[in-house]
Amino acid sequence: NANGLLSDVDIICEAFDNAEAKAMLVNTVLETMPKKYL
Protein backbone atom coordinates (compact mmCIF):
# COMPACT_ATOMS: atom_id res chain seq x y z
CA ASN A 1 0.00 0.00 0.00
CA ALA A 2 3.01 2.32 0.25
CA ASN A 3 2.84 3.61 -3.32
CA GLY A 4 -0.84 4.43 -3.09
CA LEU A 5 -0.48 6.22 0.24
CA LEU A 6 2.62 8.19 -0.75
CA SER A 7 2.04 8.91 -4.43
CA ASP A 8 1.21 12.61 -3.99
CA VAL A 9 3.85 13.63 -1.46
CA ASP A 10 7.00 15.67 -2.01
CA ILE A 11 9.00 14.32 0.93
CA ILE A 12 8.64 11.16 3.02
CA CYS A 13 9.73 11.01 6.66
CA GLU A 14 10.45 7.55 8.03
CA ALA A 15 9.70 7.65 11.76
CA PHE A 16 9.15 4.04 12.82
CA ASP A 17 10.49 2.51 16.01
CA ASN A 18 10.80 -0.96 14.50
CA ALA A 19 13.91 -1.96 12.53
CA GLU A 20 12.01 -4.17 10.10
CA ALA A 21 9.46 -1.47 9.37
CA LYS A 22 12.24 1.07 8.82
CA ALA A 23 14.02 -1.21 6.36
CA MET A 24 10.77 -1.98 4.55
CA LEU A 25 9.89 1.66 3.99
CA VAL A 26 13.40 2.74 3.00
CA ASN A 27 13.77 -0.13 0.54
CA THR A 28 10.29 0.39 -0.90
CA VAL A 29 10.82 4.12 -1.45
CA LEU A 30 14.31 3.74 -2.92
CA GLU A 31 13.24 0.94 -5.25
CA THR A 32 9.78 2.06 -6.38
CA MET A 33 9.73 5.83 -5.74
CA PRO A 34 13.26 6.94 -6.61
CA LYS A 35 12.23 10.53 -7.37
CA LYS A 36 10.81 11.10 -3.88
CA TYR A 37 12.92 12.64 -1.13
CA LEU A 38 13.29 10.37 1.90
Full PDB file with SEQRES, HELIX, SHEET, SSBOND, CRYST1, ORIGX, SCALE, CONECT and MASTER records, all heavy atoms in Angstrom:
SEQRES   1 A   38  ASN ALA ASN GLY LEU LEU SER ASP VAL ASP ILE ILE CYS          
SEQRES   2 A   38  GLU ALA PHE ASP ASN ALA GLU ALA LYS ALA MET LEU VAL          
SEQRES   3 A   38  ASN THR VAL LEU GLU THR MET PRO LYS LYS TYR LEU              
HELIX    1 AA1 ALA A    2  LEU A    6  1                                   5    
HELIX    2 AA2 ALA A   19  THR A   32  1                                  14    
CRYST1    1.000    1.000    1.000  90.00  90.00  90.00 P 1           1          
ORIGX1      1.000000  0.000000  0.000000        0.00000                         
ORIGX2      0.000000  1.000000  0.000000        0.00000                         
ORIGX3      0.000000  0.000000  1.000000        0.00000                         
SCALE1      1.000000  0.000000  0.000000        0.00000                         
SCALE2      0.000000  1.000000  0.000000        0.00000                         
SCALE3      0.000000  0.000000  1.000000        0.00000                         
ATOM      1  N   ASN A   1       0.803  -1.230   0.000  1.00  0.00           N  
ATOM      2  CA  ASN A   1       0.000   0.000   0.000  1.00  0.00           C  
ATOM      3  C   ASN A   1       0.835   1.278   0.000  1.00  0.00           C  
ATOM      4  O   ASN A   1       0.294   2.384  -0.099  1.00  0.00           O  
ATOM      5  CB  ASN A   1      -0.974   0.016   1.183  1.00  0.00           C  
ATOM      6  CG  ASN A   1      -0.275  -0.004   2.539  1.00  0.00           C  
ATOM      7  OD1 ASN A   1       0.918   0.263   2.646  1.00  0.00           O  
ATOM      8  ND2 ASN A   1      -1.020  -0.346   3.579  1.00  0.00           N  
ATOM      9  N   ALA A   2       2.145   1.151   0.120  1.00  0.00           N  
ATOM     10  CA  ALA A   2       3.009   2.325   0.252  1.00  0.00           C  
ATOM     11  C   ALA A   2       2.869   3.277  -0.931  1.00  0.00           C  
ATOM     12  O   ALA A   2       2.745   4.499  -0.754  1.00  0.00           O  
ATOM     13  CB  ALA A   2       4.459   1.901   0.425  1.00  0.00           C  
ATOM     14  N   ASN A   3       2.912   2.752  -2.141  1.00  0.00           N  
ATOM     15  CA  ASN A   3       2.844   3.615  -3.320  1.00  0.00           C  
ATOM     16  C   ASN A   3       1.537   4.395  -3.384  1.00  0.00           C  
ATOM     17  O   ASN A   3       1.534   5.580  -3.712  1.00  0.00           O  
ATOM     18  CB  ASN A   3       3.023   2.779  -4.593  1.00  0.00           C  
ATOM     19  CG  ASN A   3       4.479   2.553  -4.927  1.00  0.00           C  
ATOM     20  OD1 ASN A   3       5.111   3.345  -5.600  1.00  0.00           O  
ATOM     21  ND2 ASN A   3       5.032   1.447  -4.428  1.00  0.00           N  
ATOM     22  N   GLY A   4       0.443   3.750  -3.070  1.00  0.00           N  
ATOM     23  CA  GLY A   4      -0.840   4.434  -3.092  1.00  0.00           C  
ATOM     24  C   GLY A   4      -0.941   5.521  -2.039  1.00  0.00           C  
ATOM     25  O   GLY A   4      -1.484   6.596  -2.291  1.00  0.00           O  
ATOM     26  N   LEU A   5      -0.397   5.264  -0.847  1.00  0.00           N  
ATOM     27  CA  LEU A   5      -0.478   6.222   0.238  1.00  0.00           C  
ATOM     28  C   LEU A   5       0.458   7.407   0.044  1.00  0.00           C  
ATOM     29  O   LEU A   5       0.194   8.511   0.519  1.00  0.00           O  
ATOM     30  CB  LEU A   5      -0.157   5.528   1.567  1.00  0.00           C  
ATOM     31  CG  LEU A   5      -1.171   4.495   2.054  1.00  0.00           C  
ATOM     32  CD1 LEU A   5      -0.585   3.684   3.205  1.00  0.00           C  
ATOM     33  CD2 LEU A   5      -2.463   5.169   2.486  1.00  0.00           C  
ATOM     34  N   LEU A   6       1.574   7.178  -0.659  1.00  0.00           N  
ATOM     35  CA  LEU A   6       2.622   8.193  -0.746  1.00  0.00           C  
ATOM     36  C   LEU A   6       2.779   8.794  -2.139  1.00  0.00           C  
ATOM     37  O   LEU A   6       3.714   9.548  -2.388  1.00  0.00           O  
ATOM     38  CB  LEU A   6       3.961   7.572  -0.316  1.00  0.00           C  
ATOM     39  CG  LEU A   6       3.995   6.967   1.090  1.00  0.00           C  
ATOM     40  CD1 LEU A   6       5.310   6.246   1.327  1.00  0.00           C  
ATOM     41  CD2 LEU A   6       3.774   8.032   2.148  1.00  0.00           C  
ATOM     42  N   SER A   7       1.872   8.503  -3.029  1.00  0.00           N  
ATOM     43  CA  SER A   7       2.036   8.911  -4.428  1.00  0.00           C  
ATOM     44  C   SER A   7       2.049  10.418  -4.615  1.00  0.00           C  
ATOM     45  O   SER A   7       2.709  10.932  -5.524  1.00  0.00           O  
ATOM     46  CB  SER A   7       0.924   8.292  -5.287  1.00  0.00           C  
ATOM     47  OG  SER A   7      -0.354   8.734  -4.843  1.00  0.00           O  
ATOM     48  N   ASP A   8       1.353  11.171  -3.772  1.00  0.00           N  
ATOM     49  CA  ASP A   8       1.210  12.606  -3.990  1.00  0.00           C  
ATOM     50  C   ASP A   8       2.096  13.467  -3.087  1.00  0.00           C  
ATOM     51  O   ASP A   8       1.915  14.681  -3.025  1.00  0.00           O  
ATOM     52  CB  ASP A   8      -0.253  13.018  -3.784  1.00  0.00           C  
ATOM     53  CG  ASP A   8      -1.177  12.380  -4.804  1.00  0.00           C  
ATOM     54  OD1 ASP A   8      -0.730  12.160  -5.950  1.00  0.00           O  
ATOM     55  OD2 ASP A   8      -2.339  12.107  -4.458  1.00  0.00           O  
ATOM     56  N   VAL A   9       3.045  12.858  -2.395  1.00  0.00           N  
ATOM     57  CA  VAL A   9       3.851  13.629  -1.456  1.00  0.00           C  
ATOM     58  C   VAL A   9       5.151  14.093  -2.104  1.00  0.00           C  
ATOM     59  O   VAL A   9       5.644  13.495  -3.062  1.00  0.00           O  
ATOM     60  CB  VAL A   9       4.162  12.824  -0.175  1.00  0.00           C  
ATOM     61  CG1 VAL A   9       2.889  12.260   0.426  1.00  0.00           C  
ATOM     62  CG2 VAL A   9       5.161  11.711  -0.440  1.00  0.00           C  
ATOM     63  N   ASP A  10       5.704  15.167  -1.550  1.00  0.00           N  
ATOM     64  CA  ASP A  10       6.996  15.672  -2.009  1.00  0.00           C  
ATOM     65  C   ASP A  10       8.145  15.027  -1.240  1.00  0.00           C  
ATOM     66  O   ASP A  10       9.188  14.708  -1.809  1.00  0.00           O  
ATOM     67  CB  ASP A  10       7.057  17.188  -1.833  1.00  0.00           C  
ATOM     68  CG  ASP A  10       5.955  17.908  -2.596  1.00  0.00           C  
ATOM     69  OD1 ASP A  10       5.882  17.707  -3.820  1.00  0.00           O  
ATOM     70  OD2 ASP A  10       5.173  18.644  -1.967  1.00  0.00           O  
ATOM     71  N   ILE A  11       7.955  14.854   0.060  1.00  0.00           N  
ATOM     72  CA  ILE A  11       9.003  14.322   0.929  1.00  0.00           C  
ATOM     73  C   ILE A  11       8.379  13.311   1.882  1.00  0.00           C  
ATOM     74  O   ILE A  11       7.275  13.528   2.404  1.00  0.00           O  
ATOM     75  CB  ILE A  11       9.688  15.446   1.733  1.00  0.00           C  
ATOM     76  CG1 ILE A  11      10.246  16.509   0.790  1.00  0.00           C  
ATOM     77  CG2 ILE A  11      10.811  14.878   2.615  1.00  0.00           C  
ATOM     78  CD1 ILE A  11      10.806  17.733   1.507  1.00  0.00           C  
ATOM     79  N   ILE A  12       9.089  12.223   2.124  1.00  0.00           N  
ATOM     80  CA  ILE A  12       8.644  11.165   3.024  1.00  0.00           C  
ATOM     81  C   ILE A  12       9.558  11.130   4.238  1.00  0.00           C  
ATOM     82  O   ILE A  12      10.781  11.067   4.100  1.00  0.00           O  
ATOM     83  CB  ILE A  12       8.673   9.795   2.324  1.00  0.00           C  
ATOM     84  CG1 ILE A  12       7.747   9.796   1.100  1.00  0.00           C  
ATOM     85  CG2 ILE A  12       8.294   8.672   3.288  1.00  0.00           C  
ATOM     86  CD1 ILE A  12       8.014   8.664   0.133  1.00  0.00           C  
ATOM     87  N   CYS A  13       8.970  11.164   5.428  1.00  0.00           N  
ATOM     88  CA  CYS A  13       9.728  11.014   6.665  1.00  0.00           C  
ATOM     89  C   CYS A  13       9.480   9.620   7.237  1.00  0.00           C  
ATOM     90  O   CYS A  13       8.335   9.263   7.529  1.00  0.00           O  
ATOM     91  CB  CYS A  13       9.301  12.057   7.691  1.00  0.00           C  
ATOM     92  SG  CYS A  13       9.794  13.739   7.279  1.00  0.00           S  
ATOM     93  N   GLU A  14      10.537   8.858   7.371  1.00  0.00           N  
ATOM     94  CA  GLU A  14      10.452   7.545   8.032  1.00  0.00           C  
ATOM     95  C   GLU A  14      10.641   7.767   9.515  1.00  0.00           C  
ATOM     96  O   GLU A  14      11.666   8.285   9.950  1.00  0.00           O  
ATOM     97  CB  GLU A  14      11.536   6.613   7.472  1.00  0.00           C  
ATOM     98  CG  GLU A  14      11.573   5.244   8.121  1.00  0.00           C  
ATOM     99  CD  GLU A  14      12.329   5.233   9.438  1.00  0.00           C  
ATOM    100  OE1 GLU A  14      13.482   5.700   9.475  1.00  0.00           O  
ATOM    101  OE2 GLU A  14      11.731   4.764  10.432  1.00  0.00           O  
ATOM    102  N   ALA A  15       9.645   7.379  10.324  1.00  0.00           N  
ATOM    103  CA  ALA A  15       9.697   7.646  11.759  1.00  0.00           C  
ATOM    104  C   ALA A  15       9.218   6.447  12.567  1.00  0.00           C  
ATOM    105  O   ALA A  15       8.570   6.602  13.604  1.00  0.00           O  
ATOM    106  CB  ALA A  15       8.860   8.883  12.078  1.00  0.00           C  
ATOM    107  N   PHE A  16       9.552   5.264  12.117  1.00  0.00           N  
ATOM    108  CA  PHE A  16       9.152   4.044  12.817  1.00  0.00           C  
ATOM    109  C   PHE A  16      10.108   3.735  13.965  1.00  0.00           C  
ATOM    110  O   PHE A  16      11.275   4.159  13.955  1.00  0.00           O  
ATOM    111  CB  PHE A  16       9.113   2.857  11.854  1.00  0.00           C  
ATOM    112  CG  PHE A  16       8.066   2.972  10.776  1.00  0.00           C  
ATOM    113  CD1 PHE A  16       8.396   2.752   9.446  1.00  0.00           C  
ATOM    114  CD2 PHE A  16       6.764   3.301  11.078  1.00  0.00           C  
ATOM    115  CE1 PHE A  16       7.440   2.857   8.445  1.00  0.00           C  
ATOM    116  CE2 PHE A  16       5.799   3.410  10.091  1.00  0.00           C  
ATOM    117  CZ  PHE A  16       6.145   3.179   8.763  1.00  0.00           C  
ATOM    118  N   ASP A  17       9.637   2.945  14.923  1.00  0.00           N  
ATOM    119  CA  ASP A  17      10.494   2.511  16.013  1.00  0.00           C  
ATOM    120  C   ASP A  17      10.826   1.024  15.902  1.00  0.00           C  
ATOM    121  O   ASP A  17      11.341   0.414  16.837  1.00  0.00           O  
ATOM    122  CB  ASP A  17       9.846   2.801  17.373  1.00  0.00           C  
ATOM    123  CG  ASP A  17       8.477   2.140  17.525  1.00  0.00           C  
ATOM    124  OD1 ASP A  17       8.089   1.359  16.634  1.00  0.00           O  
ATOM    125  OD2 ASP A  17       7.808   2.405  18.543  1.00  0.00           O  
ATOM    126  N   ASN A  18      10.561   0.463  14.749  1.00  0.00           N  
ATOM    127  CA  ASN A  18      10.798  -0.961  14.503  1.00  0.00           C  
ATOM    128  C   ASN A  18      11.760  -1.100  13.332  1.00  0.00           C  
ATOM    129  O   ASN A  18      11.540  -0.529  12.256  1.00  0.00           O  
ATOM    130  CB  ASN A  18       9.460  -1.651  14.193  1.00  0.00           C  
ATOM    131  CG  ASN A  18       9.627  -3.097  13.821  1.00  0.00           C  
ATOM    132  OD1 ASN A  18       9.925  -3.416  12.673  1.00  0.00           O  
ATOM    133  ND2 ASN A  18       9.439  -3.992  14.788  1.00  0.00           N  
ATOM    134  N   ALA A  19      12.850  -1.858  13.537  1.00  0.00           N  
ATOM    135  CA  ALA A  19      13.906  -1.958  12.530  1.00  0.00           C  
ATOM    136  C   ALA A  19      13.392  -2.546  11.219  1.00  0.00           C  
ATOM    137  O   ALA A  19      13.770  -2.089  10.132  1.00  0.00           O  
ATOM    138  CB  ALA A  19      15.061  -2.800  13.068  1.00  0.00           C  
ATOM    139  N   GLU A  20      12.522  -3.554  11.318  1.00  0.00           N  
ATOM    140  CA  GLU A  20      12.005  -4.171  10.099  1.00  0.00           C  
ATOM    141  C   GLU A  20      11.125  -3.202   9.321  1.00  0.00           C  
ATOM    142  O   GLU A  20      11.183  -3.155   8.085  1.00  0.00           O  
ATOM    143  CB  GLU A  20      11.208  -5.443  10.453  1.00  0.00           C  
ATOM    144  CG  GLU A  20      12.044  -6.608  10.947  1.00  0.00           C  
ATOM    145  CD  GLU A  20      12.541  -6.429  12.369  1.00  0.00           C  
ATOM    146  OE1 GLU A  20      11.951  -5.598  13.121  1.00  0.00           O  
ATOM    147  OE2 GLU A  20      13.519  -7.101  12.740  1.00  0.00           O  
ATOM    148  N   ALA A  21      10.316  -2.444  10.036  1.00  0.00           N  
ATOM    149  CA  ALA A  21       9.456  -1.466   9.367  1.00  0.00           C  
ATOM    150  C   ALA A  21      10.291  -0.362   8.718  1.00  0.00           C  
ATOM    151  O   ALA A  21       9.985   0.095   7.611  1.00  0.00           O  
ATOM    152  CB  ALA A  21       8.476  -0.865  10.375  1.00  0.00           C  
ATOM    153  N   LYS A  22      11.343   0.059   9.395  1.00  0.00           N  
ATOM    154  CA  LYS A  22      12.240   1.068   8.823  1.00  0.00           C  
ATOM    155  C   LYS A  22      12.833   0.567   7.518  1.00  0.00           C  
ATOM    156  O   LYS A  22      12.818   1.268   6.499  1.00  0.00           O  
ATOM    157  CB  LYS A  22      13.369   1.381   9.812  1.00  0.00           C  
ATOM    158  CG  LYS A  22      12.979   2.243  10.983  1.00  0.00           C  
ATOM    159  CD  LYS A  22      14.168   2.413  11.926  1.00  0.00           C  
ATOM    160  CE  LYS A  22      13.853   3.370  13.054  1.00  0.00           C  
ATOM    161  NZ  LYS A  22      13.751   4.771  12.598  1.00  0.00           N  
ATOM    162  N   ALA A  23      13.387  -0.648   7.552  1.00  0.00           N  
ATOM    163  CA  ALA A  23      14.025  -1.206   6.362  1.00  0.00           C  
ATOM    164  C   ALA A  23      13.021  -1.374   5.232  1.00  0.00           C  
ATOM    165  O   ALA A  23      13.329  -1.103   4.066  1.00  0.00           O  
ATOM    166  CB  ALA A  23      14.666  -2.548   6.709  1.00  0.00           C  
ATOM    167  N   MET A  24      11.803  -1.805   5.569  1.00  0.00           N  
ATOM    168  CA  MET A  24      10.769  -1.984   4.549  1.00  0.00           C  
ATOM    169  C   MET A  24      10.473  -0.678   3.837  1.00  0.00           C  
ATOM    170  O   MET A  24      10.448  -0.616   2.600  1.00  0.00           O  
ATOM    171  CB  MET A  24       9.497  -2.528   5.197  1.00  0.00           C  
ATOM    172  CG  MET A  24       8.306  -2.709   4.245  1.00  0.00           C  
ATOM    173  SD  MET A  24       7.366  -1.183   3.879  1.00  0.00           S  
ATOM    174  CE  MET A  24       6.809  -0.731   5.534  1.00  0.00           C  
ATOM    175  N   LEU A  25      10.265   0.390   4.607  1.00  0.00           N  
ATOM    176  CA  LEU A  25       9.891   1.655   3.992  1.00  0.00           C  
ATOM    177  C   LEU A  25      11.043   2.224   3.171  1.00  0.00           C  
ATOM    178  O   LEU A  25      10.835   2.682   2.041  1.00  0.00           O  
ATOM    179  CB  LEU A  25       9.461   2.658   5.056  1.00  0.00           C  
ATOM    180  CG  LEU A  25       8.970   3.999   4.504  1.00  0.00           C  
ATOM    181  CD1 LEU A  25       7.736   3.803   3.628  1.00  0.00           C  
ATOM    182  CD2 LEU A  25       8.665   4.981   5.634  1.00  0.00           C  
ATOM    183  N   VAL A  26      12.242   2.203   3.727  1.00  0.00           N  
ATOM    184  CA  VAL A  26      13.399   2.737   3.001  1.00  0.00           C  
ATOM    185  C   VAL A  26      13.593   1.983   1.693  1.00  0.00           C  
ATOM    186  O   VAL A  26      13.759   2.589   0.624  1.00  0.00           O  
ATOM    187  CB  VAL A  26      14.669   2.666   3.868  1.00  0.00           C  
ATOM    188  CG1 VAL A  26      15.907   2.965   3.032  1.00  0.00           C  
ATOM    189  CG2 VAL A  26      14.573   3.654   5.025  1.00  0.00           C  
ATOM    190  N   ASN A  27      13.571   0.674   1.749  1.00  0.00           N  
ATOM    191  CA  ASN A  27      13.774  -0.127   0.538  1.00  0.00           C  
ATOM    192  C   ASN A  27      12.661   0.099  -0.478  1.00  0.00           C  
ATOM    193  O   ASN A  27      12.918   0.200  -1.685  1.00  0.00           O  
ATOM    194  CB  ASN A  27      13.857  -1.613   0.892  1.00  0.00           C  
ATOM    195  CG  ASN A  27      15.128  -1.958   1.661  1.00  0.00           C  
ATOM    196  OD1 ASN A  27      16.133  -1.261   1.545  1.00  0.00           O  
ATOM    197  ND2 ASN A  27      15.087  -3.020   2.445  1.00  0.00           N  
ATOM    198  N   THR A  28      11.424   0.189   0.004  1.00  0.00           N  
ATOM    199  CA  THR A  28      10.290   0.393  -0.898  1.00  0.00           C  
ATOM    200  C   THR A  28      10.388   1.745  -1.604  1.00  0.00           C  
ATOM    201  O   THR A  28      10.173   1.842  -2.818  1.00  0.00           O  
ATOM    202  CB  THR A  28       8.964   0.301  -0.128  1.00  0.00           C  
ATOM    203  OG1 THR A  28       8.841  -0.998   0.459  1.00  0.00           O  
ATOM    204  CG2 THR A  28       7.781   0.537  -1.048  1.00  0.00           C  
ATOM    205  N   VAL A  29      10.714   2.790  -0.857  1.00  0.00           N  
ATOM    206  CA  VAL A  29      10.815   4.119  -1.453  1.00  0.00           C  
ATOM    207  C   VAL A  29      11.975   4.179  -2.440  1.00  0.00           C  
ATOM    208  O   VAL A  29      11.830   4.678  -3.571  1.00  0.00           O  
ATOM    209  CB  VAL A  29      10.980   5.191  -0.360  1.00  0.00           C  
ATOM    210  CG1 VAL A  29      11.269   6.560  -0.989  1.00  0.00           C  
ATOM    211  CG2 VAL A  29       9.728   5.270   0.503  1.00  0.00           C  
ATOM    212  N   LEU A  30      13.137   3.663  -2.047  1.00  0.00           N  
ATOM    213  CA  LEU A  30      14.306   3.738  -2.925  1.00  0.00           C  
ATOM    214  C   LEU A  30      14.111   2.929  -4.208  1.00  0.00           C  
ATOM    215  O   LEU A  30      14.571   3.324  -5.279  1.00  0.00           O  
ATOM    216  CB  LEU A  30      15.545   3.235  -2.184  1.00  0.00           C  
ATOM    217  CG  LEU A  30      16.022   4.094  -1.008  1.00  0.00           C  
ATOM    218  CD1 LEU A  30      17.254   3.484  -0.365  1.00  0.00           C  
ATOM    219  CD2 LEU A  30      16.304   5.522  -1.441  1.00  0.00           C  
ATOM    220  N   GLU A  31      13.405   1.813  -4.098  1.00  0.00           N  
ATOM    221  CA  GLU A  31      13.237   0.935  -5.253  1.00  0.00           C  
ATOM    222  C   GLU A  31      12.078   1.337  -6.154  1.00  0.00           C  
ATOM    223  O   GLU A  31      12.175   1.212  -7.383  1.00  0.00           O  
ATOM    224  CB  GLU A  31      13.032  -0.506  -4.773  1.00  0.00           C  
ATOM    225  CG  GLU A  31      14.277  -1.117  -4.129  1.00  0.00           C  
ATOM    226  CD  GLU A  31      14.003  -2.471  -3.502  1.00  0.00           C  
ATOM    227  OE1 GLU A  31      12.873  -2.999  -3.695  1.00  0.00           O  
ATOM    228  OE2 GLU A  31      14.894  -3.008  -2.810  1.00  0.00           O  
ATOM    229  N   THR A  32      10.987   1.819  -5.575  1.00  0.00           N  
ATOM    230  CA  THR A  32       9.781   2.061  -6.375  1.00  0.00           C  
ATOM    231  C   THR A  32       9.409   3.537  -6.507  1.00  0.00           C  
ATOM    232  O   THR A  32       8.564   3.882  -7.325  1.00  0.00           O  
ATOM    233  CB  THR A  32       8.571   1.297  -5.787  1.00  0.00           C  
ATOM    234  OG1 THR A  32       8.229   1.854  -4.506  1.00  0.00           O  
ATOM    235  CG2 THR A  32       8.901  -0.180  -5.614  1.00  0.00           C  
ATOM    236  N   MET A  33      10.010   4.388  -5.677  1.00  0.00           N  
ATOM    237  CA  MET A  33       9.726   5.830  -5.739  1.00  0.00           C  
ATOM    238  C   MET A  33      11.029   6.619  -5.721  1.00  0.00           C  
ATOM    239  O   MET A  33      11.254   7.472  -4.857  1.00  0.00           O  
ATOM    240  CB  MET A  33       8.832   6.239  -4.561  1.00  0.00           C  
ATOM    241  CG  MET A  33       7.437   5.642  -4.591  1.00  0.00           C  
ATOM    242  SD  MET A  33       6.482   5.993  -3.070  1.00  0.00           S  
ATOM    243  CE  MET A  33       6.872   4.522  -2.121  1.00  0.00           C  
ATOM    244  N   PRO A  34      11.919   6.358  -6.653  1.00  0.00           N  
ATOM    245  CA  PRO A  34      13.264   6.938  -6.608  1.00  0.00           C  
ATOM    246  C   PRO A  34      13.308   8.451  -6.737  1.00  0.00           C  
ATOM    247  O   PRO A  34      14.319   9.070  -6.388  1.00  0.00           O  
ATOM    248  CB  PRO A  34      13.977   6.266  -7.790  1.00  0.00           C  
ATOM    249  CG  PRO A  34      12.875   5.890  -8.732  1.00  0.00           C  
ATOM    250  CD  PRO A  34      11.724   5.495  -7.851  1.00  0.00           C  
ATOM    251  N   LYS A  35      12.234   9.074  -7.216  1.00  0.00           N  
ATOM    252  CA  LYS A  35      12.230  10.533  -7.372  1.00  0.00           C  
ATOM    253  C   LYS A  35      11.734  11.268  -6.123  1.00  0.00           C  
ATOM    254  O   LYS A  35      11.775  12.490  -6.062  1.00  0.00           O  
ATOM    255  CB  LYS A  35      11.375  10.926  -8.575  1.00  0.00           C  
ATOM    256  CG  LYS A  35      11.972  10.455  -9.913  1.00  0.00           C  
ATOM    257  CD  LYS A  35      11.172  10.958 -11.091  1.00  0.00           C  
ATOM    258  CE  LYS A  35      11.791  10.518 -12.408  1.00  0.00           C  
ATOM    259  NZ  LYS A  35      11.022  11.025 -13.583  1.00  0.00           N  
ATOM    260  N   LYS A  36      11.263  10.494  -5.129  1.00  0.00           N  
ATOM    261  CA  LYS A  36      10.812  11.104  -3.882  1.00  0.00           C  
ATOM    262  C   LYS A  36      12.009  11.357  -2.963  1.00  0.00           C  
ATOM    263  O   LYS A  36      12.968  10.584  -2.937  1.00  0.00           O  
ATOM    264  CB  LYS A  36       9.833  10.173  -3.160  1.00  0.00           C  
ATOM    265  CG  LYS A  36       8.622   9.766  -3.965  1.00  0.00           C  
ATOM    266  CD  LYS A  36       7.505  10.742  -3.856  1.00  0.00           C  
ATOM    267  CE  LYS A  36       6.236  10.222  -4.546  1.00  0.00           C  
ATOM    268  NZ  LYS A  36       5.304  11.329  -4.812  1.00  0.00           N  
ATOM    269  N   TYR A  37      11.937  12.419  -2.181  1.00  0.00           N  
ATOM    270  CA  TYR A  37      12.919  12.640  -1.129  1.00  0.00           C  
ATOM    271  C   TYR A  37      12.522  11.813   0.092  1.00  0.00           C  
ATOM    272  O   TYR A  37      11.344  11.754   0.458  1.00  0.00           O  
ATOM    273  CB  TYR A  37      12.989  14.116  -0.752  1.00  0.00           C  
ATOM    274  CG  TYR A  37      13.735  14.951  -1.751  1.00  0.00           C  
ATOM    275  CD1 TYR A  37      13.060  15.684  -2.721  1.00  0.00           C  
ATOM    276  CD2 TYR A  37      15.129  15.002  -1.738  1.00  0.00           C  
ATOM    277  CE1 TYR A  37      13.748  16.461  -3.642  1.00  0.00           C  
ATOM    278  CE2 TYR A  37      15.827  15.773  -2.663  1.00  0.00           C  
ATOM    279  CZ  TYR A  37      15.127  16.497  -3.609  1.00  0.00           C  
ATOM    280  OH  TYR A  37      15.814  17.254  -4.527  1.00  0.00           O  
ATOM    281  N   LEU A  38      13.519  11.210   0.729  1.00  0.00           N  
ATOM    282  CA  LEU A  38      13.290  10.374   1.901  1.00  0.00           C  
ATOM    283  C   LEU A  38      14.221  10.827   3.021  1.00  0.00           C  
ATOM    284  O   LEU A  38      15.432  10.925   2.824  1.00  0.00           O  
ATOM    285  CB  LEU A  38      13.554   8.900   1.559  1.00  0.00           C  
ATOM    286  CG  LEU A  38      13.528   7.907   2.719  1.00  0.00           C  
ATOM    287  CD1 LEU A  38      12.138   7.847   3.354  1.00  0.00           C  
ATOM    288  CD2 LEU A  38      13.948   6.511   2.236  1.00  0.00           C  
TER     289      LEU A  38                                                      
MASTER        0    0    0    2    0    0    0    6  288    1    0    3          
END                                                                             
